[in-house]
């Protein structure tokens, strides 16, 4: 896997099996003893990348702070990973390397895990404020999709710094949350830590509680 990631970094998202075998110092037949085909390798690399992202995101989600601090940390960590590993990101997201449909899509699994964790975090806050948390799952998936789409654009265009993009996205996310709170007559200072501070760990899809059911 380390050789595959090095080869992707060196040769780009369109890397070939020959390039990966050479980087690993083995022949292609030996490489195919570890991965049955290109799609098998694609899934393994995708899972490696998802694990890297989760290791970066986990402490940003669990660390306490004000709403603005937490939002900025999460967005900044995500953008930091794709900036650090742009070719690996393109390799996984574009799926041009896979030679057959994959049953385990690491991109979908990664997005779902992040969204589920955000759902739990937002749900805890909404319920603590006495608000309906029925929409947090939809909001969370929407936020993850927005940040990923913005990251895709930024990675190709590089029209602004990562810090500026983090600022813009964090501002947009907070305004959305603030709008929901104000519609219920609640005004919070985004730069002040909230009294409750749930510490969460990333969970799998089947471990996530039904936010809609709990919020009603």
N, C-alpha and C. Protein backbone atom coordinates (compact mmCIF):
# COMPACT_ATOMS: atom_id res chain seq x y z
N UNK A 1 0.81 -1.19 0.00
CA UNK A 1 0.00 0.00 0.00
C UNK A 1 0.86 1.26 0.00
N UNK A 2 1.91 1.26 0.79
CA UNK A 2 2.80 2.43 0.83
C UNK A 2 3.44 2.66 -0.54
N UNK A 3 3.82 1.58 -1.21
CA UNK A 3 4.41 1.71 -2.54
C UNK A 3 3.37 2.24 -3.53
N UNK A 4 2.13 1.78 -3.40
CA UNK A 4 1.07 2.25 -4.28
C UNK A 4 0.84 3.74 -4.10
N UNK A 5 0.80 4.20 -2.85
CA UNK A 5 0.59 5.62 -2.58
C UNK A 5 1.76 6.45 -3.12
N UNK A 6 3.00 5.93 -2.95
CA UNK A 6 4.16 6.65 -3.50
C UNK A 6 4.08 6.73 -5.02
N UNK A 7 3.67 5.65 -5.66
CA UNK A 7 3.57 5.64 -7.12
C UNK A 7 2.50 6.61 -7.60
N UNK A 8 1.38 6.67 -6.89
CA UNK A 8 0.31 7.61 -7.25
C UNK A 8 0.81 9.04 -7.11
N UNK A 9 1.52 9.32 -6.04
CA UNK A 9 2.07 10.66 -5.81
C UNK A 9 3.05 11.04 -6.90
N UNK A 10 3.84 10.07 -7.34
CA UNK A 10 4.87 10.33 -8.34
C UNK A 10 4.32 10.41 -9.76
N UNK A 11 3.41 9.51 -10.12
CA UNK A 11 2.94 9.41 -11.50
C UNK A 11 1.55 10.01 -11.73
N UNK A 12 0.86 10.37 -10.67
CA UNK A 12 -0.46 10.97 -10.82
C UNK A 12 -1.58 9.95 -10.75
N UNK A 13 -2.81 10.45 -10.87
CA UNK A 13 -4.00 9.61 -10.72
C UNK A 13 -4.12 8.54 -11.79
N UNK A 14 -3.46 8.72 -12.92
CA UNK A 14 -3.53 7.74 -14.01
C UNK A 14 -2.39 6.73 -13.94
N UNK A 15 -1.84 6.52 -12.78
CA UNK A 15 -0.75 5.58 -12.58
C UNK A 15 -1.15 4.19 -13.09
N UNK A 16 -0.16 3.44 -13.56
CA UNK A 16 -0.43 2.10 -14.04
C UNK A 16 0.06 1.04 -13.07
N UNK A 17 -0.39 -0.17 -13.26
CA UNK A 17 0.04 -1.28 -12.40
C UNK A 17 1.55 -1.50 -12.53
N UNK A 18 2.10 -1.27 -13.73
CA UNK A 18 3.55 -1.39 -13.91
C UNK A 18 4.30 -0.41 -13.00
N UNK A 19 3.78 0.82 -12.92
CA UNK A 19 4.41 1.84 -12.09
C UNK A 19 4.37 1.43 -10.61
N UNK A 20 3.25 0.89 -10.19
CA UNK A 20 3.11 0.49 -8.79
C UNK A 20 4.02 -0.70 -8.47
N UNK A 21 4.08 -1.66 -9.39
CA UNK A 21 4.95 -2.82 -9.19
C UNK A 21 6.41 -2.38 -9.10
N UNK A 22 6.81 -1.46 -9.98
CA UNK A 22 8.19 -0.98 -9.98
C UNK A 22 8.50 -0.25 -8.68
N UNK A 23 7.56 0.56 -8.20
CA UNK A 23 7.78 1.28 -6.95
C UNK A 23 7.91 0.32 -5.77
N UNK A 24 7.19 -0.79 -5.84
CA UNK A 24 7.24 -1.78 -4.77
C UNK A 24 8.44 -2.72 -4.92
N UNK A 25 9.10 -2.66 -6.10
CA UNK A 25 10.25 -3.52 -6.33
C UNK A 25 9.87 -4.97 -6.57
N UNK A 26 8.68 -5.17 -7.16
CA UNK A 26 8.22 -6.52 -7.46
C UNK A 26 7.72 -6.57 -8.90
N UNK A 27 7.48 -7.78 -9.39
CA UNK A 27 6.91 -7.94 -10.72
C UNK A 27 5.39 -7.82 -10.64
N UNK A 28 4.74 -7.61 -11.79
CA UNK A 28 3.28 -7.52 -11.79
C UNK A 28 2.62 -8.80 -11.28
N UNK A 29 3.13 -10.00 -11.64
CA UNK A 29 2.51 -11.21 -11.08
C UNK A 29 2.54 -11.24 -9.56
N UNK A 30 3.62 -10.75 -8.97
CA UNK A 30 3.70 -10.70 -7.52
C UNK A 30 2.69 -9.70 -6.97
N UNK A 31 2.56 -8.57 -7.67
CA UNK A 31 1.59 -7.56 -7.24
C UNK A 31 0.18 -8.13 -7.23
N UNK A 32 -0.13 -8.94 -8.25
CA UNK A 32 -1.47 -9.52 -8.35
C UNK A 32 -1.71 -10.63 -7.32
N UNK A 33 -0.69 -11.02 -6.61
CA UNK A 33 -0.92 -11.94 -5.50
C UNK A 33 -1.56 -11.22 -4.32
N UNK A 34 -1.31 -9.92 -4.25
CA UNK A 34 -1.85 -9.12 -3.16
C UNK A 34 -3.19 -8.48 -3.54
N UNK A 35 -3.33 -8.12 -4.82
CA UNK A 35 -4.56 -7.49 -5.31
C UNK A 35 -5.02 -8.24 -6.55
N UNK A 36 -6.26 -8.72 -6.54
CA UNK A 36 -6.72 -9.56 -7.64
C UNK A 36 -6.79 -8.80 -8.96
N UNK A 37 -7.08 -7.51 -8.93
CA UNK A 37 -7.15 -6.71 -10.15
C UNK A 37 -7.03 -5.24 -9.78
N UNK A 38 -7.18 -4.37 -10.77
CA UNK A 38 -7.05 -2.93 -10.53
C UNK A 38 -8.12 -2.41 -9.57
N UNK A 39 -9.33 -2.93 -9.71
CA UNK A 39 -10.40 -2.47 -8.84
C UNK A 39 -10.14 -2.85 -7.39
N UNK A 40 -9.56 -4.01 -7.18
CA UNK A 40 -9.22 -4.44 -5.83
C UNK A 40 -8.18 -3.49 -5.23
N UNK A 41 -7.22 -3.10 -6.03
CA UNK A 41 -6.20 -2.15 -5.58
C UNK A 41 -6.82 -0.78 -5.32
N UNK A 42 -7.73 -0.37 -6.19
CA UNK A 42 -8.41 0.92 -6.02
C UNK A 42 -9.13 0.98 -4.68
N UNK A 43 -9.87 -0.07 -4.35
CA UNK A 43 -10.61 -0.10 -3.09
C UNK A 43 -9.64 -0.04 -1.90
N UNK A 44 -8.54 -0.79 -1.99
CA UNK A 44 -7.56 -0.79 -0.90
C UNK A 44 -6.94 0.59 -0.71
N UNK A 45 -6.59 1.25 -1.80
CA UNK A 45 -6.02 2.59 -1.72
C UNK A 45 -7.07 3.57 -1.17
N UNK A 46 -8.31 3.43 -1.62
CA UNK A 46 -9.37 4.29 -1.13
C UNK A 46 -9.58 4.15 0.37
N UNK A 47 -9.53 2.92 0.85
CA UNK A 47 -9.68 2.68 2.29
C UNK A 47 -8.49 3.26 3.06
N UNK A 48 -7.30 3.17 2.47
CA UNK A 48 -6.11 3.75 3.11
C UNK A 48 -6.28 5.26 3.22
N UNK A 49 -6.74 5.87 2.14
CA UNK A 49 -6.95 7.32 2.16
C UNK A 49 -8.05 7.73 3.12
N UNK A 50 -9.13 6.95 3.19
CA UNK A 50 -10.21 7.26 4.12
C UNK A 50 -9.74 7.16 5.56
N UNK A 51 -8.91 6.17 5.84
CA UNK A 51 -8.37 6.01 7.19
C UNK A 51 -7.48 7.20 7.57
N UNK A 52 -6.68 7.66 6.61
CA UNK A 52 -5.85 8.84 6.85
C UNK A 52 -6.71 10.05 7.17
N UNK A 53 -7.78 10.24 6.40
CA UNK A 53 -8.66 11.38 6.61
C UNK A 53 -9.33 11.30 7.98
N UNK A 54 -9.79 10.11 8.35
CA UNK A 54 -10.45 9.96 9.64
C UNK A 54 -9.50 10.27 10.80
N UNK A 55 -8.24 9.87 10.66
CA UNK A 55 -7.26 10.16 11.71
C UNK A 55 -7.05 11.66 11.86
N UNK A 56 -7.16 12.39 10.76
CA UNK A 56 -7.00 13.85 10.84
C UNK A 56 -8.27 14.52 11.38
N UNK A 57 -9.44 13.98 11.00
CA UNK A 57 -10.69 14.62 11.38
C UNK A 57 -11.10 14.32 12.81
N UNK A 58 -10.81 13.12 13.28
CA UNK A 58 -11.30 12.71 14.60
C UNK A 58 -10.96 13.71 15.70
N UNK A 59 -9.71 14.12 15.86
CA UNK A 59 -9.41 15.08 16.94
C UNK A 59 -10.05 16.44 16.73
N UNK A 60 -10.28 16.86 15.49
CA UNK A 60 -10.91 18.15 15.25
C UNK A 60 -12.37 18.13 15.66
N UNK A 61 -13.01 16.97 15.55
CA UNK A 61 -14.42 16.86 15.94
C UNK A 61 -14.55 16.73 17.44
N UNK A 62 -13.64 15.99 18.06
CA UNK A 62 -13.75 15.71 19.49
C UNK A 62 -13.23 16.85 20.36
N UNK A 63 -12.33 17.68 19.82
CA UNK A 63 -11.74 18.76 20.62
C UNK A 63 -12.76 19.85 20.90
N UNK A 64 -12.89 20.31 22.14
CA UNK A 64 -13.87 21.34 22.46
C UNK A 64 -13.48 22.71 21.90
N UNK A 65 -14.43 23.63 21.95
CA UNK A 65 -14.17 24.98 21.48
C UNK A 65 -15.46 25.67 21.08
N UNK A 66 -15.35 26.88 20.59
CA UNK A 66 -16.52 27.63 20.14
C UNK A 66 -17.02 27.04 18.82
N UNK A 67 -18.26 27.35 18.42
CA UNK A 67 -18.76 26.86 17.14
C UNK A 67 -17.83 27.22 15.98
N UNK A 68 -17.37 28.47 15.93
CA UNK A 68 -16.48 28.87 14.84
C UNK A 68 -15.17 28.06 14.85
N UNK A 69 -14.63 27.84 16.03
CA UNK A 69 -13.38 27.08 16.12
C UNK A 69 -13.57 25.65 15.64
N UNK A 70 -14.65 25.04 16.05
CA UNK A 70 -14.89 23.65 15.68
C UNK A 70 -15.15 23.52 14.18
N UNK A 71 -15.94 24.43 13.64
CA UNK A 71 -16.22 24.37 12.20
C UNK A 71 -14.95 24.57 11.40
N UNK A 72 -14.16 25.55 11.77
CA UNK A 72 -12.93 25.84 11.04
C UNK A 72 -11.95 24.67 11.13
N UNK A 73 -11.86 24.04 12.29
CA UNK A 73 -10.95 22.91 12.43
C UNK A 73 -11.33 21.75 11.52
N UNK A 74 -12.62 21.45 11.49
CA UNK A 74 -13.07 20.32 10.68
C UNK A 74 -12.85 20.59 9.19
N UNK A 75 -13.28 21.77 8.73
CA UNK A 75 -13.11 22.11 7.32
C UNK A 75 -11.64 22.21 6.96
N UNK A 76 -10.86 22.86 7.82
CA UNK A 76 -9.44 23.01 7.55
C UNK A 76 -8.70 21.69 7.49
N UNK A 77 -9.08 20.74 8.36
CA UNK A 77 -8.43 19.43 8.35
C UNK A 77 -8.72 18.69 7.05
N UNK A 78 -9.95 18.75 6.59
CA UNK A 78 -10.31 18.08 5.32
C UNK A 78 -9.53 18.67 4.15
N UNK A 79 -9.55 20.00 4.04
CA UNK A 79 -8.84 20.64 2.94
C UNK A 79 -7.34 20.40 3.05
N UNK A 80 -6.83 20.32 4.27
CA UNK A 80 -5.40 20.07 4.46
C UNK A 80 -4.98 18.72 3.90
N UNK A 81 -5.83 17.71 4.09
CA UNK A 81 -5.51 16.36 3.59
C UNK A 81 -5.49 16.33 2.07
N UNK A 82 -6.48 16.94 1.41
CA UNK A 82 -6.48 16.87 -0.05
C UNK A 82 -5.39 17.77 -0.65
N UNK A 83 -5.00 18.82 0.08
CA UNK A 83 -3.88 19.64 -0.39
C UNK A 83 -2.57 18.87 -0.27
N UNK A 84 -2.43 18.10 0.78
CA UNK A 84 -1.22 17.33 1.02
C UNK A 84 -1.10 16.13 0.08
N UNK A 85 -2.24 15.55 -0.31
CA UNK A 85 -2.24 14.36 -1.16
C UNK A 85 -3.18 14.56 -2.35
N UNK A 86 -2.90 15.53 -3.22
CA UNK A 86 -3.83 15.82 -4.32
C UNK A 86 -3.99 14.67 -5.30
N UNK A 87 -2.91 14.00 -5.67
CA UNK A 87 -3.02 12.92 -6.64
C UNK A 87 -3.74 11.71 -6.05
N UNK A 88 -3.49 11.44 -4.79
CA UNK A 88 -4.21 10.35 -4.13
C UNK A 88 -5.70 10.66 -4.10
N UNK A 89 -6.04 11.90 -3.82
CA UNK A 89 -7.45 12.31 -3.79
C UNK A 89 -8.08 12.13 -5.17
N UNK A 90 -7.39 12.59 -6.21
CA UNK A 90 -7.93 12.44 -7.57
C UNK A 90 -8.07 10.96 -7.94
N UNK A 91 -7.09 10.16 -7.55
CA UNK A 91 -7.11 8.73 -7.84
C UNK A 91 -8.37 8.09 -7.26
N UNK A 92 -8.69 8.44 -6.03
CA UNK A 92 -9.82 7.80 -5.35
C UNK A 92 -11.15 8.35 -5.85
N UNK A 93 -11.24 9.67 -6.01
CA UNK A 93 -12.51 10.30 -6.36
C UNK A 93 -12.90 10.03 -7.82
N UNK A 94 -11.93 10.06 -8.72
CA UNK A 94 -12.25 9.91 -10.14
C UNK A 94 -12.53 8.47 -10.54
N UNK A 95 -11.96 7.52 -9.86
CA UNK A 95 -12.16 6.10 -10.12
C UNK A 95 -11.80 5.70 -11.54
N UNK A 96 -10.89 6.42 -12.19
CA UNK A 96 -10.49 6.07 -13.55
C UNK A 96 -9.63 4.81 -13.57
N UNK A 97 -9.08 4.44 -12.42
CA UNK A 97 -8.17 3.30 -12.37
C UNK A 97 -8.92 1.98 -12.26
N UNK A 98 -10.11 1.99 -11.68
CA UNK A 98 -10.86 0.76 -11.49
C UNK A 98 -11.33 0.20 -12.82
N UNK A 99 -11.13 -1.12 -13.04
CA UNK A 99 -11.49 -1.73 -14.31
C UNK A 99 -12.83 -2.45 -14.26
N UNK A 100 -13.52 -2.36 -13.17
CA UNK A 100 -14.86 -2.93 -13.05
C UNK A 100 -15.58 -2.20 -11.92
N UNK A 101 -16.92 -2.29 -11.88
CA UNK A 101 -17.65 -1.64 -10.78
C UNK A 101 -17.21 -2.21 -9.44
N UNK A 102 -17.13 -1.35 -8.44
CA UNK A 102 -16.71 -1.79 -7.12
C UNK A 102 -17.93 -1.90 -6.21
N UNK A 103 -17.94 -2.94 -5.40
CA UNK A 103 -19.06 -3.14 -4.48
C UNK A 103 -18.88 -2.32 -3.21
N UNK A 104 -17.64 -2.04 -2.86
CA UNK A 104 -17.34 -1.23 -1.68
C UNK A 104 -16.73 0.09 -2.16
N UNK A 105 -17.51 1.15 -2.12
CA UNK A 105 -17.02 2.45 -2.58
C UNK A 105 -16.45 3.20 -1.39
N UNK A 106 -15.13 3.35 -1.30
CA UNK A 106 -14.54 4.03 -0.13
C UNK A 106 -14.95 5.49 -0.02
N UNK A 107 -15.24 6.14 -1.14
CA UNK A 107 -15.64 7.55 -1.10
C UNK A 107 -17.00 7.68 -0.42
N UNK A 108 -17.95 6.84 -0.83
CA UNK A 108 -19.28 6.88 -0.22
C UNK A 108 -19.21 6.53 1.26
N UNK A 109 -18.41 5.51 1.59
CA UNK A 109 -18.28 5.10 2.99
C UNK A 109 -17.69 6.22 3.84
N UNK A 110 -16.70 6.91 3.28
CA UNK A 110 -16.06 8.00 4.01
C UNK A 110 -17.03 9.15 4.25
N UNK A 111 -17.77 9.55 3.20
CA UNK A 111 -18.72 10.64 3.34
C UNK A 111 -19.82 10.29 4.34
N UNK A 112 -20.27 9.05 4.30
CA UNK A 112 -21.32 8.62 5.21
C UNK A 112 -20.83 8.65 6.66
N UNK A 113 -19.61 8.21 6.89
CA UNK A 113 -19.08 8.20 8.26
C UNK A 113 -18.95 9.61 8.81
N UNK A 114 -18.44 10.52 7.99
CA UNK A 114 -18.30 11.91 8.44
C UNK A 114 -19.67 12.51 8.72
N UNK A 115 -20.61 12.30 7.79
CA UNK A 115 -21.96 12.86 7.95
C UNK A 115 -22.65 12.29 9.18
N UNK A 116 -22.49 11.01 9.42
CA UNK A 116 -23.11 10.41 10.60
C UNK A 116 -22.56 11.00 11.89
N UNK A 117 -21.25 11.25 11.91
CA UNK A 117 -20.65 11.83 13.10
C UNK A 117 -21.14 13.26 13.32
N UNK A 118 -21.23 14.03 12.24
CA UNK A 118 -21.77 15.39 12.36
C UNK A 118 -23.22 15.36 12.81
N UNK A 119 -23.97 14.36 12.35
CA UNK A 119 -25.37 14.23 12.76
C UNK A 119 -25.47 14.06 14.27
N UNK A 120 -24.62 13.23 14.82
CA UNK A 120 -24.64 13.02 16.27
C UNK A 120 -24.25 14.30 17.01
N UNK A 121 -23.22 14.99 16.50
CA UNK A 121 -22.77 16.22 17.15
C UNK A 121 -23.85 17.29 17.12
N UNK A 122 -24.41 17.53 15.93
CA UNK A 122 -25.45 18.54 15.80
C UNK A 122 -26.71 18.14 16.58
N UNK A 123 -27.02 16.86 16.56
CA UNK A 123 -28.19 16.39 17.28
C UNK A 123 -28.09 16.63 18.77
N UNK A 124 -26.89 16.40 19.33
CA UNK A 124 -26.67 16.65 20.75
C UNK A 124 -26.92 18.11 21.09
N UNK A 125 -26.41 19.00 20.26
CA UNK A 125 -26.58 20.42 20.52
C UNK A 125 -28.04 20.86 20.35
N UNK A 126 -28.68 20.37 19.29
CA UNK A 126 -30.07 20.77 19.05
C UNK A 126 -30.96 20.33 20.20
N UNK A 127 -30.79 19.09 20.65
CA UNK A 127 -31.64 18.59 21.74
C UNK A 127 -31.33 19.33 23.04
N UNK A 128 -30.05 19.66 23.26
CA UNK A 128 -29.68 20.39 24.48
C UNK A 128 -30.30 21.78 24.49
N UNK A 129 -30.52 22.34 23.30
CA UNK A 129 -31.15 23.66 23.19
C UNK A 129 -32.67 23.57 23.12
N UNK A 130 -33.20 22.35 23.23
CA UNK A 130 -34.63 22.16 23.20
C UNK A 130 -35.25 22.27 21.82
N UNK A 131 -34.45 22.01 20.77
CA UNK A 131 -34.92 22.15 19.40
C UNK A 131 -35.10 20.78 18.74
N UNK A 132 -35.91 20.76 17.69
CA UNK A 132 -36.14 19.54 16.93
C UNK A 132 -34.87 19.19 16.14
N UNK A 133 -34.36 17.99 16.34
CA UNK A 133 -33.15 17.56 15.64
C UNK A 133 -33.46 16.67 14.44
N UNK A 134 -34.71 16.68 14.00
CA UNK A 134 -35.11 15.80 12.91
C UNK A 134 -34.38 16.04 11.60
N UNK A 135 -33.86 17.26 11.39
CA UNK A 135 -33.22 17.56 10.12
C UNK A 135 -31.71 17.41 10.11
N UNK A 136 -31.11 17.02 11.25
CA UNK A 136 -29.65 17.06 11.33
C UNK A 136 -28.98 16.07 10.37
N UNK A 137 -29.60 14.94 10.11
CA UNK A 137 -28.98 13.98 9.21
C UNK A 137 -28.90 14.53 7.79
N UNK A 138 -30.01 15.13 7.33
CA UNK A 138 -30.02 15.74 6.00
C UNK A 138 -29.04 16.90 5.93
N UNK A 139 -29.01 17.73 6.98
CA UNK A 139 -28.07 18.86 7.00
C UNK A 139 -26.63 18.36 6.93
N UNK A 140 -26.33 17.34 7.70
CA UNK A 140 -24.95 16.84 7.77
C UNK A 140 -24.49 16.31 6.42
N UNK A 141 -25.32 15.54 5.76
CA UNK A 141 -24.94 15.03 4.43
C UNK A 141 -24.78 16.19 3.44
N UNK A 142 -25.65 17.20 3.57
CA UNK A 142 -25.53 18.36 2.69
C UNK A 142 -24.24 19.13 2.93
N UNK A 143 -23.86 19.29 4.18
CA UNK A 143 -22.62 19.99 4.51
C UNK A 143 -21.40 19.25 3.99
N UNK A 144 -21.39 17.93 4.18
CA UNK A 144 -20.26 17.14 3.68
C UNK A 144 -20.15 17.25 2.17
N UNK A 145 -21.28 17.17 1.47
CA UNK A 145 -21.26 17.30 0.01
C UNK A 145 -20.78 18.66 -0.44
N UNK A 146 -21.19 19.72 0.28
CA UNK A 146 -20.77 21.07 -0.09
C UNK A 146 -19.27 21.24 0.06
N UNK A 147 -18.73 20.77 1.19
CA UNK A 147 -17.29 20.92 1.43
C UNK A 147 -16.50 20.11 0.41
N UNK A 148 -16.97 18.90 0.10
CA UNK A 148 -16.26 18.09 -0.88
C UNK A 148 -16.29 18.75 -2.26
N UNK A 149 -17.45 19.23 -2.68
CA UNK A 149 -17.55 19.88 -4.00
C UNK A 149 -16.67 21.12 -4.06
N UNK A 150 -16.66 21.90 -2.99
CA UNK A 150 -15.80 23.09 -2.95
C UNK A 150 -14.33 22.68 -2.99
N UNK A 151 -14.00 21.59 -2.30
CA UNK A 151 -12.62 21.10 -2.32
C UNK A 151 -12.21 20.64 -3.70
N UNK A 152 -13.12 19.98 -4.43
CA UNK A 152 -12.84 19.55 -5.81
C UNK A 152 -12.50 20.76 -6.68
N UNK A 153 -13.35 21.78 -6.57
CA UNK A 153 -13.13 23.00 -7.36
C UNK A 153 -11.81 23.65 -7.01
N UNK A 154 -11.54 23.77 -5.73
CA UNK A 154 -10.34 24.45 -5.27
C UNK A 154 -9.08 23.69 -5.68
N UNK A 155 -9.12 22.37 -5.61
CA UNK A 155 -7.95 21.57 -5.95
C UNK A 155 -7.56 21.77 -7.41
N UNK A 156 -8.54 21.95 -8.28
CA UNK A 156 -8.27 22.13 -9.71
C UNK A 156 -7.94 23.57 -10.05
N UNK A 157 -8.59 24.51 -9.39
CA UNK A 157 -8.43 25.92 -9.76
C UNK A 157 -7.35 26.64 -8.95
N UNK A 158 -7.24 26.32 -7.67
CA UNK A 158 -6.29 27.00 -6.78
C UNK A 158 -6.45 28.52 -6.88
N UNK A 159 -7.70 28.97 -6.94
CA UNK A 159 -7.98 30.39 -7.11
C UNK A 159 -7.89 31.18 -5.82
N UNK A 160 -7.72 30.49 -4.70
CA UNK A 160 -7.55 31.16 -3.42
C UNK A 160 -6.75 30.25 -2.51
N UNK A 161 -6.32 30.79 -1.39
CA UNK A 161 -5.55 29.99 -0.44
C UNK A 161 -6.47 29.04 0.31
N UNK A 162 -5.87 28.01 0.89
CA UNK A 162 -6.67 27.08 1.70
C UNK A 162 -7.28 27.80 2.88
N UNK A 163 -6.55 28.74 3.47
CA UNK A 163 -7.05 29.49 4.61
C UNK A 163 -8.29 30.31 4.24
N UNK A 164 -8.24 30.95 3.07
CA UNK A 164 -9.39 31.75 2.64
C UNK A 164 -10.60 30.88 2.36
N UNK A 165 -10.38 29.73 1.70
CA UNK A 165 -11.50 28.84 1.43
C UNK A 165 -12.09 28.32 2.74
N UNK A 166 -11.23 27.99 3.70
CA UNK A 166 -11.70 27.55 5.00
C UNK A 166 -12.57 28.62 5.64
N UNK A 167 -12.13 29.87 5.57
CA UNK A 167 -12.90 30.99 6.13
C UNK A 167 -14.27 31.09 5.48
N UNK A 168 -14.31 31.05 4.14
CA UNK A 168 -15.57 31.20 3.41
C UNK A 168 -16.54 30.07 3.75
N UNK A 169 -16.04 28.84 3.74
CA UNK A 169 -16.92 27.70 4.03
C UNK A 169 -17.40 27.72 5.47
N UNK A 170 -16.50 28.04 6.40
CA UNK A 170 -16.88 28.09 7.81
C UNK A 170 -17.95 29.16 8.04
N UNK A 171 -17.79 30.29 7.36
CA UNK A 171 -18.77 31.36 7.49
C UNK A 171 -20.13 30.92 6.97
N UNK A 172 -20.14 30.27 5.82
CA UNK A 172 -21.39 29.82 5.22
C UNK A 172 -22.08 28.78 6.11
N UNK A 173 -21.29 27.85 6.66
CA UNK A 173 -21.85 26.81 7.52
C UNK A 173 -22.45 27.43 8.78
N UNK A 174 -21.71 28.36 9.39
CA UNK A 174 -22.24 28.98 10.61
C UNK A 174 -23.51 29.77 10.33
N UNK A 175 -23.54 30.51 9.22
CA UNK A 175 -24.74 31.27 8.92
C UNK A 175 -25.96 30.36 8.78
N UNK A 176 -25.75 29.18 8.21
CA UNK A 176 -26.85 28.23 8.10
C UNK A 176 -27.34 27.78 9.46
N UNK A 177 -26.40 27.44 10.34
CA UNK A 177 -26.75 27.01 11.69
C UNK A 177 -27.41 28.17 12.46
N UNK A 178 -26.83 29.35 12.33
CA UNK A 178 -27.35 30.53 13.02
C UNK A 178 -28.78 30.85 12.57
N UNK A 179 -29.04 30.66 11.29
CA UNK A 179 -30.39 30.91 10.79
C UNK A 179 -31.42 29.98 11.41
N UNK A 180 -31.04 28.71 11.55
CA UNK A 180 -31.95 27.75 12.17
C UNK A 180 -32.20 28.13 13.63
N UNK A 181 -31.14 28.52 14.34
CA UNK A 181 -31.28 28.89 15.75
C UNK A 181 -32.13 30.15 15.91
N UNK A 182 -31.87 31.13 15.09
CA UNK A 182 -32.61 32.40 15.21
C UNK A 182 -34.09 32.22 14.88
N UNK A 183 -34.40 31.28 13.99
CA UNK A 183 -35.81 31.02 13.68
C UNK A 183 -36.55 30.47 14.90
N UNK A 184 -35.78 29.92 15.85
CA UNK A 184 -36.37 29.42 17.10
C UNK A 184 -36.17 30.41 18.24
N UNK A 185 -35.70 31.62 17.93
CA UNK A 185 -35.54 32.64 18.94
C UNK A 185 -34.28 32.51 19.77
N UNK A 186 -33.26 31.81 19.23
CA UNK A 186 -32.02 31.59 19.95
C UNK A 186 -30.87 32.28 19.21
N UNK A 187 -30.11 33.11 19.92
CA UNK A 187 -28.95 33.78 19.34
C UNK A 187 -27.71 33.38 20.13
N UNK A 188 -26.73 32.81 19.44
CA UNK A 188 -25.49 32.38 20.09
C UNK A 188 -24.31 33.15 19.51
N UNK A 189 -23.33 33.40 20.35
CA UNK A 189 -22.08 34.00 19.89
C UNK A 189 -21.20 32.88 19.34
N UNK A 190 -20.89 32.88 18.05
CA UNK A 190 -20.12 31.78 17.45
C UNK A 190 -18.69 31.69 17.95
N UNK A 191 -18.23 32.73 18.64
CA UNK A 191 -16.85 32.72 19.14
C UNK A 191 -16.76 32.37 20.62
N UNK A 192 -17.90 32.05 21.23
CA UNK A 192 -17.92 31.67 22.64
C UNK A 192 -18.22 30.18 22.75
N UNK A 193 -17.44 29.43 23.53
CA UNK A 193 -17.72 28.00 23.73
C UNK A 193 -19.10 27.81 24.34
N UNK A 194 -19.79 26.76 23.91
CA UNK A 194 -21.07 26.45 24.50
C UNK A 194 -20.86 25.69 25.81
N UNK A 195 -21.84 25.73 26.68
CA UNK A 195 -21.69 25.10 27.99
C UNK A 195 -21.54 23.59 27.86
N UNK A 196 -22.40 22.97 27.02
CA UNK A 196 -22.27 21.54 26.85
C UNK A 196 -21.24 21.28 25.76
N UNK A 197 -20.53 20.21 25.91
CA UNK A 197 -19.45 19.94 24.95
C UNK A 197 -19.34 18.43 24.74
N UNK A 198 -20.27 17.84 23.98
CA UNK A 198 -20.24 16.40 23.79
C UNK A 198 -18.97 15.96 23.10
N UNK A 199 -18.33 14.92 23.63
CA UNK A 199 -17.12 14.39 23.03
C UNK A 199 -17.50 13.09 22.32
N UNK A 200 -17.37 13.10 21.01
CA UNK A 200 -17.84 11.97 20.22
C UNK A 200 -16.69 11.25 19.55
N UNK A 201 -16.92 10.02 19.20
CA UNK A 201 -15.96 9.27 18.40
C UNK A 201 -16.63 8.89 17.09
N UNK A 202 -15.83 8.70 16.05
CA UNK A 202 -16.39 8.34 14.76
C UNK A 202 -17.02 6.96 14.85
N UNK A 203 -18.20 6.82 14.27
CA UNK A 203 -18.92 5.56 14.36
C UNK A 203 -19.26 5.08 12.97
N UNK A 204 -19.56 3.81 12.87
CA UNK A 204 -19.94 3.26 11.58
C UNK A 204 -21.40 3.57 11.30
N UNK A 205 -21.82 3.34 10.08
CA UNK A 205 -23.16 3.68 9.63
C UNK A 205 -24.23 3.00 10.48
N UNK A 206 -24.02 1.71 10.78
CA UNK A 206 -25.05 0.98 11.49
C UNK A 206 -25.08 1.28 12.97
N UNK A 207 -24.08 2.03 13.49
CA UNK A 207 -24.06 2.38 14.90
C UNK A 207 -24.72 3.74 15.16
N UNK A 208 -25.00 4.48 14.08
CA UNK A 208 -25.52 5.83 14.24
C UNK A 208 -26.99 5.80 14.63
N UNK A 209 -27.37 6.48 15.71
CA UNK A 209 -28.78 6.50 16.10
C UNK A 209 -29.60 7.28 15.11
N UNK A 210 -30.88 7.01 15.10
CA UNK A 210 -31.80 7.71 14.21
C UNK A 210 -32.06 9.10 14.77
N UNK A 211 -31.35 10.10 14.20
CA UNK A 211 -31.46 11.46 14.72
C UNK A 211 -32.87 11.97 14.60
N UNK A 212 -33.55 11.61 13.50
CA UNK A 212 -34.91 12.09 13.32
C UNK A 212 -35.84 11.57 14.38
N UNK A 213 -35.67 10.28 14.76
CA UNK A 213 -36.55 9.70 15.76
C UNK A 213 -36.29 10.30 17.12
N UNK A 214 -34.99 10.54 17.44
CA UNK A 214 -34.65 11.09 18.75
C UNK A 214 -35.06 12.54 18.87
N UNK A 215 -35.12 13.25 17.74
CA UNK A 215 -35.36 14.68 17.82
C UNK A 215 -36.83 15.04 17.91
N UNK A 216 -37.70 14.05 17.87
CA UNK A 216 -39.12 14.38 17.88
C UNK A 216 -39.73 14.05 19.24
